[in-house]
Amino acid sequence: MDRRWQEHLDALKRFNAWEAEELRRRPTDYSRALAWLSEAWELAARYGPGEDATARRDRHLLEILETRRSLERARISP
């Protein structure tokens, strides 16, 4: 088996083990759930398939701009 593929499978196994343990300690409030999701996302991003840094930066910027537009639409005028 290709070394990179094996590394990817090993990373998935580590993530699955981590996720199973985290689910056993399921958060009891929203802030803990959000922290868990953030940690899960960062772990998945770190061990997932590689992404070009420029593409990641551009995607992140687009997400920020879309969030800003959504918040502006939701703003209630006095």
PDB file of N, CA and C in Angstrom:
ATOM      1  N   MET A   1       0.848  -1.176   0.000  1.00  0.00           N
ATOM      2  CA  MET A   1       0.000   0.000   0.000  1.00  0.00           C
ATOM      3  C   MET A   1       0.897   1.244   0.000  1.00  0.00           C
ATOM      4  N   ASP A   2       0.450   2.254  -0.714  1.00  0.00           N
ATOM      5  CA  ASP A   2       1.177   3.513  -0.802  1.00  0.00           C
ATOM      6  C   ASP A   2       1.357   4.117   0.600  1.00  0.00           C
ATOM      7  N   ARG A   3       2.534   4.645   0.880  1.00  0.00           N
ATOM      8  CA  ARG A   3       2.854   5.208   2.194  1.00  0.00           C
ATOM      9  C   ARG A   3       1.901   6.339   2.580  1.00  0.00           C
ATOM     10  N   ARG A   4       1.604   7.232   1.634  1.00  0.00           N
ATOM     11  CA  ARG A   4       0.715   8.363   1.947  1.00  0.00           C
ATOM     12  C   ARG A   4      -0.694   7.878   2.272  1.00  0.00           C
ATOM     13  N   TRP A   5      -1.134   6.860   1.548  1.00  0.00           N
ATOM     14  CA  TRP A   5      -2.474   6.318   1.806  1.00  0.00           C
ATOM     15  C   TRP A   5      -2.500   5.670   3.195  1.00  0.00           C
ATOM     16  N   GLN A   6      -1.453   4.939   3.536  1.00  0.00           N
ATOM     17  CA  GLN A   6      -1.374   4.302   4.853  1.00  0.00           C
ATOM     18  C   GLN A   6      -1.352   5.354   5.957  1.00  0.00           C
ATOM     19  N   GLU A   7      -0.615   6.447   5.743  1.00  0.00           N
ATOM     20  CA  GLU A   7      -0.587   7.528   6.727  1.00  0.00           C
ATOM     21  C   GLU A   7      -1.967   8.146   6.899  1.00  0.00           C
ATOM     22  N   HIS A   8      -2.669   8.296   5.795  1.00  0.00           N
ATOM     23  CA  HIS A   8      -4.024   8.852   5.850  1.00  0.00           C
ATOM     24  C   HIS A   8      -4.948   7.919   6.627  1.00  0.00           C
ATOM     25  N   LEU A   9      -4.863   6.612   6.369  1.00  0.00           N
ATOM     26  CA  LEU A   9      -5.688   5.646   7.097  1.00  0.00           C
ATOM     27  C   LEU A   9      -5.345   5.651   8.587  1.00  0.00           C
ATOM     28  N   ASP A  10      -4.065   5.742   8.901  1.00  0.00           N
ATOM     29  CA  ASP A  10      -3.651   5.799  10.303  1.00  0.00           C
ATOM     30  C   ASP A  10      -4.201   7.053  10.982  1.00  0.00           C
ATOM     31  N   ALA A  11      -4.185   8.175  10.274  1.00  0.00           N
ATOM     32  CA  ALA A  11      -4.733   9.421  10.823  1.00  0.00           C
ATOM     33  C   ALA A  11      -6.236   9.285  11.053  1.00  0.00           C
ATOM     34  N   LEU A  12      -6.932   8.637  10.136  1.00  0.00           N
ATOM     35  CA  LEU A  12      -8.371   8.421  10.317  1.00  0.00           C
ATOM     36  C   LEU A  12      -8.649   7.541  11.525  1.00  0.00           C
ATOM     37  N   LYS A  13      -7.843   6.528  11.730  1.00  0.00           N
ATOM     38  CA  LYS A  13      -8.015   5.657  12.902  1.00  0.00           C
ATOM     39  C   LYS A  13      -7.806   6.451  14.188  1.00  0.00           C
ATOM     40  N   ARG A  14      -6.775   7.302  14.215  1.00  0.00           N
ATOM     41  CA  ARG A  14      -6.542   8.134  15.396  1.00  0.00           C
ATOM     42  C   ARG A  14      -7.706   9.083  15.637  1.00  0.00           C
ATOM     43  N   PHE A  15      -8.213   9.675  14.560  1.00  0.00           N
ATOM     44  CA  PHE A  15      -9.340  10.593  14.700  1.00  0.00           C
ATOM     45  C   PHE A  15     -10.572   9.847  15.197  1.00  0.00           C
ATOM     46  N   ASN A  16     -10.846   8.667  14.649  1.00  0.00           N
ATOM     47  CA  ASN A  16     -12.013   7.893  15.075  1.00  0.00           C
ATOM     48  C   ASN A  16     -11.916   7.511  16.547  1.00  0.00           C
ATOM     49  N   ALA A  17     -10.731   7.142  16.991  1.00  0.00           N
ATOM     50  CA  ALA A  17     -10.550   6.805  18.405  1.00  0.00           C
ATOM     51  C   ALA A  17     -10.777   8.035  19.275  1.00  0.00           C
ATOM     52  N   TRP A  18     -10.227   9.176  18.856  1.00  0.00           N
ATOM     53  CA  TRP A  18     -10.415  10.419  19.604  1.00  0.00           C
ATOM     54  C   TRP A  18     -11.896  10.796  19.651  1.00  0.00           C
ATOM     55  N   GLU A  19     -12.568  10.705  18.495  1.00  0.00           N
ATOM     56  CA  GLU A  19     -13.983  11.078  18.429  1.00  0.00           C
ATOM     57  C   GLU A  19     -14.832  10.173  19.319  1.00  0.00           C
ATOM     58  N   ALA A  20     -14.570   8.867  19.312  1.00  0.00           N
ATOM     59  CA  ALA A  20     -15.329   7.940  20.147  1.00  0.00           C
ATOM     60  C   ALA A  20     -15.169   8.295  21.624  1.00  0.00           C
ATOM     61  N   GLU A  21     -13.938   8.615  22.030  1.00  0.00           N
ATOM     62  CA  GLU A  21     -13.700   8.997  23.418  1.00  0.00           C
ATOM     63  C   GLU A  21     -14.417  10.302  23.757  1.00  0.00           C
ATOM     64  N   GLU A  22     -14.363  11.264  22.860  1.00  0.00           N
ATOM     65  CA  GLU A  22     -15.033  12.539  23.099  1.00  0.00           C
ATOM     66  C   GLU A  22     -16.547  12.369  23.191  1.00  0.00           C
ATOM     67  N   LEU A  23     -17.111  11.492  22.369  1.00  0.00           N
ATOM     68  CA  LEU A  23     -18.556  11.286  22.412  1.00  0.00           C
ATOM     69  C   LEU A  23     -18.985  10.630  23.727  1.00  0.00           C
ATOM     70  N   ARG A  24     -18.106   9.830  24.308  1.00  0.00           N
ATOM     71  CA  ARG A  24     -18.421   9.238  25.610  1.00  0.00           C
ATOM     72  C   ARG A  24     -18.487  10.321  26.685  1.00  0.00           C
ATOM     73  N   ARG A  25     -17.758  11.405  26.455  1.00  0.00           N
ATOM     74  CA  ARG A  25     -17.782  12.524  27.396  1.00  0.00           C
ATOM     75  C   ARG A  25     -18.544  13.689  26.774  1.00  0.00           C
ATOM     76  N   ARG A  26     -19.696  13.398  26.220  1.00  0.00           N
ATOM     77  CA  ARG A  26     -20.499  14.386  25.499  1.00  0.00           C
ATOM     78  C   ARG A  26     -20.720  15.657  26.336  1.00  0.00           C
ATOM     79  N   PRO A  27     -20.520  16.810  25.721  1.00  0.00           N
ATOM     80  CA  PRO A  27     -20.697  18.073  26.456  1.00  0.00           C
ATOM     81  C   PRO A  27     -22.142  18.249  26.925  1.00  0.00           C
ATOM     82  N   THR A  28     -22.272  18.948  28.035  1.00  0.00           N
ATOM     83  CA  THR A  28     -23.600  19.162  28.600  1.00  0.00           C
ATOM     84  C   THR A  28     -24.123  20.571  28.346  1.00  0.00           C
ATOM     85  N   ASP A  29     -23.323  21.430  27.766  1.00  0.00           N
ATOM     86  CA  ASP A  29     -23.819  22.769  27.455  1.00  0.00           C
ATOM     87  C   ASP A  29     -23.247  23.248  26.112  1.00  0.00           C
ATOM     88  N   TYR A  30     -23.827  24.324  25.612  1.00  0.00           N
ATOM     89  CA  TYR A  30     -23.490  24.818  24.279  1.00  0.00           C
ATOM     90  C   TYR A  30     -22.024  25.217  24.150  1.00  0.00           C
ATOM     91  N   SER A  31     -21.483  25.911  25.125  1.00  0.00           N
ATOM     92  CA  SER A  31     -20.099  26.371  25.010  1.00  0.00           C
ATOM     93  C   SER A  31     -19.137  25.185  24.944  1.00  0.00           C
ATOM     94  N   ARG A  32     -19.411  24.130  25.708  1.00  0.00           N
ATOM     95  CA  ARG A  32     -18.563  22.943  25.651  1.00  0.00           C
ATOM     96  C   ARG A  32     -18.725  22.228  24.302  1.00  0.00           C
ATOM     97  N   ALA A  33     -19.960  22.194  23.797  1.00  0.00           N
ATOM     98  CA  ALA A  33     -20.193  21.563  22.494  1.00  0.00           C
ATOM     99  C   ALA A  33     -19.454  22.320  21.398  1.00  0.00           C
ATOM    100  N   LEU A  34     -19.486  23.637  21.454  1.00  0.00           N
ATOM    101  CA  LEU A  34     -18.787  24.450  20.468  1.00  0.00           C
ATOM    102  C   LEU A  34     -17.275  24.246  20.554  1.00  0.00           C
ATOM    103  N   ALA A  35     -16.758  24.159  21.749  1.00  0.00           N
ATOM    104  CA  ALA A  35     -15.326  23.903  21.930  1.00  0.00           C
ATOM    105  C   ALA A  35     -14.962  22.536  21.361  1.00  0.00           C
ATOM    106  N   TRP A  36     -15.828  21.545  21.581  1.00  0.00           N
ATOM    107  CA  TRP A  36     -15.579  20.198  21.049  1.00  0.00           C
ATOM    108  C   TRP A  36     -15.574  20.230  19.519  1.00  0.00           C
ATOM    109  N   LEU A  37     -16.536  20.906  18.928  1.00  0.00           N
ATOM    110  CA  LEU A  37     -16.596  20.990  17.467  1.00  0.00           C
ATOM    111  C   LEU A  37     -15.368  21.695  16.908  1.00  0.00           C
ATOM    112  N   SER A  38     -14.934  22.741  17.581  1.00  0.00           N
ATOM    113  CA  SER A  38     -13.754  23.463  17.127  1.00  0.00           C
ATOM    114  C   SER A  38     -12.520  22.568  17.181  1.00  0.00           C
ATOM    115  N   GLU A  39     -12.377  21.828  18.259  1.00  0.00           N
ATOM    116  CA  GLU A  39     -11.242  20.915  18.392  1.00  0.00           C
ATOM    117  C   GLU A  39     -11.305  19.812  17.334  1.00  0.00           C
ATOM    118  N   ALA A  40     -12.500  19.295  17.093  1.00  0.00           N
ATOM    119  CA  ALA A  40     -12.662  18.249  16.073  1.00  0.00           C
ATOM    120  C   ALA A  40     -12.308  18.788  14.692  1.00  0.00           C
ATOM    121  N   TRP A  41     -12.740  20.001  14.388  1.00  0.00           N
ATOM    122  CA  TRP A  41     -12.444  20.580  13.082  1.00  0.00           C
ATOM    123  C   TRP A  41     -10.940  20.785  12.907  1.00  0.00           C
ATOM    124  N   GLU A  42     -10.295  21.313  13.942  1.00  0.00           N
ATOM    125  CA  GLU A  42      -8.855  21.540  13.845  1.00  0.00           C
ATOM    126  C   GLU A  42      -8.083  20.234  13.693  1.00  0.00           C
ATOM    127  N   LEU A  43      -8.510  19.203  14.415  1.00  0.00           N
ATOM    128  CA  LEU A  43      -7.849  17.910  14.296  1.00  0.00           C
ATOM    129  C   LEU A  43      -8.041  17.339  12.893  1.00  0.00           C
ATOM    130  N   ALA A  44      -9.256  17.415  12.384  1.00  0.00           N
ATOM    131  CA  ALA A  44      -9.526  16.904  11.040  1.00  0.00           C
ATOM    132  C   ALA A  44      -8.740  17.689   9.990  1.00  0.00           C
ATOM    133  N   ALA A  45      -8.649  19.003  10.164  1.00  0.00           N
ATOM    134  CA  ALA A  45      -7.905  19.828   9.209  1.00  0.00           C
ATOM    135  C   ALA A  45      -6.422  19.501   9.253  1.00  0.00           C
ATOM    136  N   ARG A  46      -5.907  19.220  10.450  1.00  0.00           N
ATOM    137  CA  ARG A  46      -4.486  18.926  10.601  1.00  0.00           C
ATOM    138  C   ARG A  46      -4.104  17.585   9.988  1.00  0.00           C
ATOM    139  N   TYR A  47      -4.981  16.577  10.124  1.00  0.00           N
ATOM    140  CA  TYR A  47      -4.641  15.235   9.669  1.00  0.00           C
ATOM    141  C   TYR A  47      -5.339  14.832   8.377  1.00  0.00           C
ATOM    142  N   GLY A  48      -6.177  15.707   7.847  1.00  0.00           N
ATOM    143  CA  GLY A  48      -6.880  15.388   6.612  1.00  0.00           C
ATOM    144  C   GLY A  48      -5.976  15.565   5.401  1.00  0.00           C
ATOM    145  N   PRO A  49      -6.542  15.332   4.223  1.00  0.00           N
ATOM    146  CA  PRO A  49      -5.755  15.518   2.999  1.00  0.00           C
ATOM    147  C   PRO A  49      -5.218  16.935   2.923  1.00  0.00           C
ATOM    148  N   GLY A  50      -4.033  17.063   2.386  1.00  0.00           N
ATOM    149  CA  GLY A  50      -3.400  18.370   2.311  1.00  0.00           C
ATOM    150  C   GLY A  50      -4.186  19.347   1.455  1.00  0.00           C
ATOM    151  N   GLU A  51      -4.116  20.602   1.835  1.00  0.00           N
ATOM    152  CA  GLU A  51      -4.775  21.650   1.067  1.00  0.00           C
ATOM    153  C   GLU A  51      -3.770  22.780   0.899  1.00  0.00           C
ATOM    154  N   ASP A  52      -3.741  23.324  -0.277  1.00  0.00           N
ATOM    155  CA  ASP A  52      -2.851  24.438  -0.554  1.00  0.00           C
ATOM    156  C   ASP A  52      -3.165  25.585   0.409  1.00  0.00           C
ATOM    157  N   ALA A  53      -2.125  26.181   0.987  1.00  0.00           N
ATOM    158  CA  ALA A  53      -2.311  27.249   1.967  1.00  0.00           C
ATOM    159  C   ALA A  53      -3.053  28.437   1.370  1.00  0.00           C
ATOM    160  N   THR A  54      -2.794  28.743   0.106  1.00  0.00           N
ATOM    161  CA  THR A  54      -3.485  29.859  -0.542  1.00  0.00           C
ATOM    162  C   THR A  54      -4.970  29.548  -0.689  1.00  0.00           C
ATOM    163  N   ALA A  55      -5.289  28.333  -1.092  1.00  0.00           N
ATOM    164  CA  ALA A  55      -6.701  27.941  -1.239  1.00  0.00           C
ATOM    165  C   ALA A  55      -7.408  27.981   0.107  1.00  0.00           C
ATOM    166  N   ARG A  56      -6.735  27.527   1.166  1.00  0.00           N
ATOM    167  CA  ARG A  56      -7.321  27.539   2.510  1.00  0.00           C
ATOM    168  C   ARG A  56      -7.574  28.971   2.959  1.00  0.00           C
ATOM    169  N   ARG A  57      -6.589  29.864   2.709  1.00  0.00           N
ATOM    170  CA  ARG A  57      -6.747  31.269   3.078  1.00  0.00           C
ATOM    171  C   ARG A  57      -7.917  31.900   2.329  1.00  0.00           C
ATOM    172  N   ASP A  58      -8.009  31.631   1.017  1.00  0.00           N
ATOM    173  CA  ASP A  58      -9.090  32.198   0.216  1.00  0.00           C
ATOM    174  C   ASP A  58     -10.453  31.682   0.674  1.00  0.00           C
ATOM    175  N   ARG A  59     -10.531  30.389   0.983  1.00  0.00           N
ATOM    176  CA  ARG A  59     -11.793  29.807   1.446  1.00  0.00           C
ATOM    177  C   ARG A  59     -12.186  30.428   2.777  1.00  0.00           C
ATOM    178  N   HIS A  60     -11.214  30.603   3.663  1.00  0.00           N
ATOM    179  CA  HIS A  60     -11.489  31.205   4.969  1.00  0.00           C
ATOM    180  C   HIS A  60     -11.979  32.643   4.813  1.00  0.00           C
ATOM    181  N   LEU A  61     -11.342  33.395   3.928  1.00  0.00           N
ATOM    182  CA  LEU A  61     -11.752  34.774   3.685  1.00  0.00           C
ATOM    183  C   LEU A  61     -13.186  34.825   3.148  1.00  0.00           C
ATOM    184  N   LEU A  62     -13.520  33.942   2.225  1.00  0.00           N
ATOM    185  CA  LEU A  62     -14.890  33.904   1.700  1.00  0.00           C
ATOM    186  C   LEU A  62     -15.902  33.570   2.789  1.00  0.00           C
ATOM    187  N   GLU A  63     -15.549  32.660   3.693  1.00  0.00           N
ATOM    188  CA  GLU A  63     -16.439  32.331   4.808  1.00  0.00           C
ATOM    189  C   GLU A  63     -16.657  33.538   5.712  1.00  0.00           C
ATOM    190  N   ILE A  64     -15.598  34.279   5.975  1.00  0.00           N
ATOM    191  CA  ILE A  64     -15.716  35.477   6.811  1.00  0.00           C
ATOM    192  C   ILE A  64     -16.613  36.516   6.130  1.00  0.00           C
ATOM    193  N   LEU A  65     -16.404  36.730   4.836  1.00  0.00           N
ATOM    194  CA  LEU A  65     -17.220  37.707   4.112  1.00  0.00           C
ATOM    195  C   LEU A  65     -18.687  37.288   4.074  1.00  0.00           C
ATOM    196  N   GLU A  66     -18.948  36.003   3.891  1.00  0.00           N
ATOM    197  CA  GLU A  66     -20.330  35.518   3.871  1.00  0.00           C
ATOM    198  C   GLU A  66     -20.975  35.674   5.247  1.00  0.00           C
ATOM    199  N   THR A  67     -20.231  35.415   6.292  1.00  0.00           N
ATOM    200  CA  THR A  67     -20.755  35.603   7.649  1.00  0.00           C
ATOM    201  C   THR A  67     -21.070  37.074   7.891  1.00  0.00           C
ATOM    202  N   ARG A  68     -20.182  37.948   7.441  1.00  0.00           N
ATOM    203  CA  ARG A  68     -20.408  39.389   7.606  1.00  0.00           C
ATOM    204  C   ARG A  68     -21.662  39.834   6.860  1.00  0.00           C
ATOM    205  N   ARG A  69     -21.834  39.352   5.613  1.00  0.00           N
ATOM    206  CA  ARG A  69     -23.044  39.698   4.841  1.00  0.00           C
ATOM    207  C   ARG A  69     -24.302  39.184   5.537  1.00  0.00           C
ATOM    208  N   SER A  70     -24.226  37.977   6.079  1.00  0.00           N
ATOM    209  CA  SER A  70     -25.384  37.412   6.791  1.00  0.00           C
ATOM    210  C   SER A  70     -25.734  38.237   8.020  1.00  0.00           C
ATOM    211  N   LEU A  71     -24.718  38.655   8.762  1.00  0.00           N
ATOM    212  CA  LEU A  71     -24.972  39.474   9.946  1.00  0.00           C
ATOM    213  C   LEU A  71     -25.543  40.833   9.571  1.00  0.00           C
ATOM    214  N   GLU A  72     -25.065  41.408   8.472  1.00  0.00           N
ATOM    215  CA  GLU A  72     -25.602  42.700   8.030  1.00  0.00           C
ATOM    216  C   GLU A  72     -27.069  42.563   7.621  1.00  0.00           C
ATOM    217  N   ARG A  73     -27.432  41.461   6.972  1.00  0.00           N
ATOM    218  CA  ARG A  73     -28.825  41.245   6.580  1.00  0.00           C
ATOM    219  C   ARG A  73     -29.716  41.043   7.811  1.00  0.00           C
ATOM    220  N   ALA A  74     -29.130  40.446   8.854  1.00  0.00           N
ATOM    221  CA  ALA A  74     -29.915  40.155  10.059  1.00  0.00           C
ATOM    222  C   ALA A  74     -30.055  41.356  10.996  1.00  0.00           C
ATOM    223  N   ARG A  75     -29.261  42.384  10.779  1.00  0.00           N
ATOM    224  CA  ARG A  75     -29.289  43.551  11.646  1.00  0.00           C
ATOM    225  C   ARG A  75     -30.661  44.225  11.568  1.00  0.00           C
ATOM    226  N   ILE A  76     -31.184  44.544  12.709  1.00  0.00           N
ATOM    227  CA  ILE A  76     -32.499  45.201  12.773  1.00  0.00           C
ATOM    228  C   ILE A  76     -32.281  46.695  12.904  1.00  0.00           C
ATOM    229  N   SER A  77     -32.920  47.446  12.029  1.00  0.00           N
ATOM    230  CA  SER A  77     -32.793  48.912  12.056  1.00  0.00           C
ATOM    231  C   SER A  77     -33.683  49.486  13.144  1.00  0.00           C
ATOM    232  N   PRO A  78     -33.194  50.519  13.846  1.00  0.00           N
ATOM    233  CA  PRO A  78     -33.997  51.149  14.919  1.00  0.00           C
ATOM    234  C   PRO A  78     -35.160  51.930  14.350  1.00  0.00           C
TER     235      PRO A  78
END
